[in-house]
Amino acid sequence: MRLARAHLDLMNAGPDGTVSEIAAKWGFIHMGRFSHAYAKHFGVLPSETLRRSL
């Protein structure tokens, strides 16, 4: 559920949004673990999703 919410926020982030900020908002403290879990679930890195949103 938290990954899905972070995914939505990354897709809708503006130019000032950051992966770290969005991950922390959803309770992900360890960025490496977040990135790994995100990539495993969505097939892309969170930074790629953020880039595509711009």
C-alpha atoms as a PDB file:
ATOM      1  CA  MET A   1       0.000   0.000   0.000  1.00  0.00           C
ATOM      2  CA  ARG A   2       2.778   2.459   0.909  1.00  0.00           C
ATOM      3  CA  LEU A   3       4.656   1.590  -2.281  1.00  0.00           C
ATOM      4  CA  ALA A   4       1.546   2.268  -4.344  1.00  0.00           C
ATOM      5  CA  ARG A   5       1.045   5.651  -2.657  1.00  0.00           C
ATOM      6  CA  ALA A   6       4.693   6.564  -3.158  1.00  0.00           C
ATOM      7  CA  HIS A   7       4.366   5.529  -6.813  1.00  0.00           C
ATOM      8  CA  LEU A   8       1.377   7.853  -7.287  1.00  0.00           C
ATOM      9  CA  ASP A   9       3.233  10.713  -5.648  1.00  0.00           C
ATOM     10  CA  LEU A  10       6.286  10.120  -7.828  1.00  0.00           C
ATOM     11  CA  MET A  11       4.136  10.106 -10.970  1.00  0.00           C
ATOM     12  CA  ASN A  12       2.469  13.362  -9.916  1.00  0.00           C
ATOM     13  CA  ALA A  13       5.508  15.127  -8.474  1.00  0.00           C
ATOM     14  CA  GLY A  14       6.342  18.539  -9.787  1.00  0.00           C
ATOM     15  CA  PRO A  15       9.818  19.784 -10.609  1.00  0.00           C
ATOM     16  CA  ASP A  16      10.591  20.308  -6.922  1.00  0.00           C
ATOM     17  CA  GLY A  17       9.696  16.753  -5.838  1.00  0.00           C
ATOM     18  CA  THR A  18      12.432  14.372  -4.763  1.00  0.00           C
ATOM     19  CA  VAL A  19      12.526  10.624  -4.313  1.00  0.00           C
ATOM     20  CA  SER A  20      13.847  11.024  -0.760  1.00  0.00           C
ATOM     21  CA  GLU A  21      11.093  13.422   0.230  1.00  0.00           C
ATOM     22  CA  ILE A  22       8.332  11.229  -1.177  1.00  0.00           C
ATOM     23  CA  ALA A  23       9.777   8.027   0.283  1.00  0.00           C
ATOM     24  CA  ALA A  24      10.069   9.631   3.724  1.00  0.00           C
ATOM     25  CA  LYS A  25       6.490  10.902   3.481  1.00  0.00           C
ATOM     26  CA  TRP A  26       5.340   7.282   3.220  1.00  0.00           C
ATOM     27  CA  GLY A  27       7.570   6.030   6.027  1.00  0.00           C
ATOM     28  CA  PHE A  28      10.515   4.685   4.056  1.00  0.00           C
ATOM     29  CA  ILE A  29      13.642   5.640   5.984  1.00  0.00           C
ATOM     30  CA  HIS A  30      16.287   3.547   4.201  1.00  0.00           C
ATOM     31  CA  MET A  31      16.488   4.791   0.609  1.00  0.00           C
ATOM     32  CA  GLY A  32      18.338   1.707  -0.662  1.00  0.00           C
ATOM     33  CA  ARG A  33      15.641  -0.630   0.612  1.00  0.00           C
ATOM     34  CA  PHE A  34      12.916   1.615  -0.737  1.00  0.00           C
ATOM     35  CA  SER A  35      14.536   1.770  -4.157  1.00  0.00           C
ATOM     36  CA  HIS A  36      15.024  -1.992  -4.277  1.00  0.00           C
ATOM     37  CA  ALA A  37      11.449  -2.773  -3.216  1.00  0.00           C
ATOM     38  CA  TYR A  38      10.080  -0.172  -5.627  1.00  0.00           C
ATOM     39  CA  ALA A  39      12.079  -1.519  -8.569  1.00  0.00           C
ATOM     40  CA  LYS A  40      11.091  -5.081  -7.750  1.00  0.00           C
ATOM     41  CA  HIS A  41       7.403  -4.139  -7.623  1.00  0.00           C
ATOM     42  CA  PHE A  42       7.182  -1.622 -10.499  1.00  0.00           C
ATOM     43  CA  GLY A  43      10.059  -2.718 -12.735  1.00  0.00           C
ATOM     44  CA  VAL A  44      11.747   0.705 -12.742  1.00  0.00           C
ATOM     45  CA  LEU A  45      13.705   2.758 -10.253  1.00  0.00           C
ATOM     46  CA  PRO A  46      11.831   5.477  -8.372  1.00  0.00           C
ATOM     47  CA  SER A  47      14.079   8.083  -9.971  1.00  0.00           C
ATOM     48  CA  GLU A  48      12.957   6.901 -13.422  1.00  0.00           C
ATOM     49  CA  THR A  49       9.312   7.335 -12.449  1.00  0.00           C
ATOM     50  CA  LEU A  50      10.070  10.808 -11.132  1.00  0.00           C
ATOM     51  CA  ARG A  51      11.924  11.773 -14.328  1.00  0.00           C
ATOM     52  CA  ARG A  52       8.994  10.624 -16.456  1.00  0.00           C
ATOM     53  CA  SER A  53       6.633  12.828 -14.460  1.00  0.00           C
ATOM     54  CA  LEU A  54       8.464  16.015 -15.423  1.00  0.00           C
END
